[in-house]
Amino acid sequence: MSTYRIRFPGTGTLIEEAILKGRGDSRGEDILRVLRVRGIEVPDAVRERVGSCDDLDVLGTWLDRAVTVGSADELFVEPAGA
């Protein structure tokens, strides 16, 4: 008789890593889409930096900023007083 073991988040399984990577990819695409819809030009360097980031917290910050920035480069600038 085999024993079923539950895998909790944070165990580093291949499936979990793939899911988290997929979330990062999606969030990066969302950032670029927000900028595009707002009519903001996205240089290749910005597209590459966003596309290569897999830190969900950083991507979340950039997504929040994408709603208000005046240029794509402003995604990476820390607000004054932060």
C-alpha atoms as a PDB file:
ATOM      1  CA  MET A   1       0.000   0.000   0.000  1.00  0.00           C
ATOM      2  CA  SER A   2       1.469   3.360  -1.004  1.00  0.00           C
ATOM      3  CA  THR A   3       1.319   6.446   1.139  1.00  0.00           C
ATOM      4  CA  TYR A   4       0.143   9.744  -0.317  1.00  0.00           C
ATOM      5  CA  ARG A   5       2.138  12.737   0.842  1.00  0.00           C
ATOM      6  CA  ILE A   6       0.733  16.223   0.475  1.00  0.00           C
ATOM      7  CA  ARG A   7       3.186  18.751  -0.904  1.00  0.00           C
ATOM      8  CA  PHE A   8       2.711  22.183   0.604  1.00  0.00           C
ATOM      9  CA  PRO A   9       3.695  25.381  -1.222  1.00  0.00           C
ATOM     10  CA  GLY A  10       7.334  26.219  -0.808  1.00  0.00           C
ATOM     11  CA  THR A  11       8.609  22.675  -1.197  1.00  0.00           C
ATOM     12  CA  GLY A  12      10.304  23.518  -4.504  1.00  0.00           C
ATOM     13  CA  THR A  13       8.671  20.829  -6.620  1.00  0.00           C
ATOM     14  CA  LEU A  14       9.047  21.082 -10.384  1.00  0.00           C
ATOM     15  CA  ILE A  15       5.314  21.641 -10.749  1.00  0.00           C
ATOM     16  CA  GLU A  16       5.337  24.469  -8.205  1.00  0.00           C
ATOM     17  CA  GLU A  17       8.318  26.104  -9.876  1.00  0.00           C
ATOM     18  CA  ALA A  18       6.586  25.901 -13.263  1.00  0.00           C
ATOM     19  CA  ILE A  19       3.418  27.473 -11.856  1.00  0.00           C
ATOM     20  CA  LEU A  20       5.363  30.316 -10.247  1.00  0.00           C
ATOM     21  CA  LYS A  21       7.339  30.874 -13.448  1.00  0.00           C
ATOM     22  CA  GLY A  22       4.075  31.008 -15.379  1.00  0.00           C
ATOM     23  CA  ARG A  23       2.724  33.625 -12.988  1.00  0.00           C
ATOM     24  CA  GLY A  24       5.841  35.706 -13.500  1.00  0.00           C
ATOM     25  CA  ASP A  25       5.590  35.418 -17.273  1.00  0.00           C
ATOM     26  CA  SER A  26       1.952  36.448 -17.159  1.00  0.00           C
ATOM     27  CA  ARG A  27       2.613  39.397 -14.886  1.00  0.00           C
ATOM     28  CA  GLY A  28       5.412  40.593 -17.168  1.00  0.00           C
ATOM     29  CA  GLU A  29       3.050  40.388 -20.129  1.00  0.00           C
ATOM     30  CA  ASP A  30       0.472  42.355 -18.124  1.00  0.00           C
ATOM     31  CA  ILE A  31       2.991  45.135 -17.428  1.00  0.00           C
ATOM     32  CA  LEU A  32       3.875  45.447 -21.093  1.00  0.00           C
ATOM     33  CA  ARG A  33       0.196  45.387 -22.070  1.00  0.00           C
ATOM     34  CA  VAL A  34      -0.701  48.194 -19.660  1.00  0.00           C
ATOM     35  CA  LEU A  35       2.097  50.317 -21.090  1.00  0.00           C
ATOM     36  CA  ARG A  36       1.018  49.529 -24.662  1.00  0.00           C
ATOM     37  CA  VAL A  37      -2.649  50.337 -23.987  1.00  0.00           C
ATOM     38  CA  ARG A  38      -1.592  53.631 -22.404  1.00  0.00           C
ATOM     39  CA  GLY A  39       0.365  54.448 -25.570  1.00  0.00           C
ATOM     40  CA  ILE A  40       3.756  54.323 -23.868  1.00  0.00           C
ATOM     41  CA  GLU A  41       6.655  53.220 -26.045  1.00  0.00           C
ATOM     42  CA  VAL A  42       8.543  50.257 -24.613  1.00  0.00           C
ATOM     43  CA  PRO A  43      12.230  50.068 -25.566  1.00  0.00           C
ATOM     44  CA  ASP A  44      13.757  46.631 -26.101  1.00  0.00           C
ATOM     45  CA  ALA A  45      15.878  47.027 -22.941  1.00  0.00           C
ATOM     46  CA  VAL A  46      12.749  47.519 -20.813  1.00  0.00           C
ATOM     47  CA  ARG A  47      10.953  44.630 -22.540  1.00  0.00           C
ATOM     48  CA  GLU A  48      13.947  42.373 -21.855  1.00  0.00           C
ATOM     49  CA  ARG A  49      14.265  43.429 -18.202  1.00  0.00           C
ATOM     50  CA  VAL A  50      10.575  42.867 -17.519  1.00  0.00           C
ATOM     51  CA  GLY A  51      10.580  39.570 -19.422  1.00  0.00           C
ATOM     52  CA  SER A  52      13.590  38.198 -17.573  1.00  0.00           C
ATOM     53  CA  CYS A  53      12.375  39.067 -14.064  1.00  0.00           C
ATOM     54  CA  ASP A  54      10.903  36.180 -12.085  1.00  0.00           C
ATOM     55  CA  ASP A  55      10.465  37.934  -8.717  1.00  0.00           C
ATOM     56  CA  LEU A  56       6.696  38.227  -8.239  1.00  0.00           C
ATOM     57  CA  ASP A  57       7.036  41.045  -5.694  1.00  0.00           C
ATOM     58  CA  VAL A  58       9.149  43.140  -8.068  1.00  0.00           C
ATOM     59  CA  LEU A  59       6.801  42.403 -10.958  1.00  0.00           C
ATOM     60  CA  GLY A  60       3.859  43.431  -8.783  1.00  0.00           C
ATOM     61  CA  THR A  61       5.542  46.743  -8.001  1.00  0.00           C
ATOM     62  CA  TRP A  62       6.245  47.343 -11.680  1.00  0.00           C
ATOM     63  CA  LEU A  63       2.646  46.473 -12.575  1.00  0.00           C
ATOM     64  CA  ASP A  64       1.382  49.030 -10.050  1.00  0.00           C
ATOM     65  CA  ARG A  65       3.733  51.648 -11.486  1.00  0.00           C
ATOM     66  CA  ALA A  66       2.761  50.826 -15.092  1.00  0.00           C
ATOM     67  CA  VAL A  67      -0.618  52.396 -14.426  1.00  0.00           C
ATOM     68  CA  THR A  68       0.832  55.844 -13.683  1.00  0.00           C
ATOM     69  CA  VAL A  69       4.326  56.194 -15.202  1.00  0.00           C
ATOM     70  CA  GLY A  70       5.012  58.655 -17.999  1.00  0.00           C
ATOM     71  CA  SER A  71       7.660  56.474 -19.647  1.00  0.00           C
ATOM     72  CA  ALA A  72       8.603  52.811 -19.546  1.00  0.00           C
ATOM     73  CA  ASP A  73      11.955  53.601 -17.894  1.00  0.00           C
ATOM     74  CA  GLU A  74      10.093  55.017 -14.888  1.00  0.00           C
ATOM     75  CA  LEU A  75       9.038  51.473 -13.931  1.00  0.00           C
ATOM     76  CA  PHE A  76      12.461  50.983 -12.389  1.00  0.00           C
ATOM     77  CA  VAL A  77      12.767  54.296 -10.532  1.00  0.00           C
ATOM     78  CA  GLU A  78      12.108  54.218  -6.802  1.00  0.00           C
ATOM     79  CA  PRO A  79       9.675  56.973  -5.795  1.00  0.00           C
ATOM     80  CA  ALA A  80      11.106  59.772  -3.666  1.00  0.00           C
ATOM     81  CA  GLY A  81      10.775  59.064   0.041  1.00  0.00           C
ATOM     82  CA  ALA A  82      10.522  55.300  -0.434  1.00  0.00           C
END
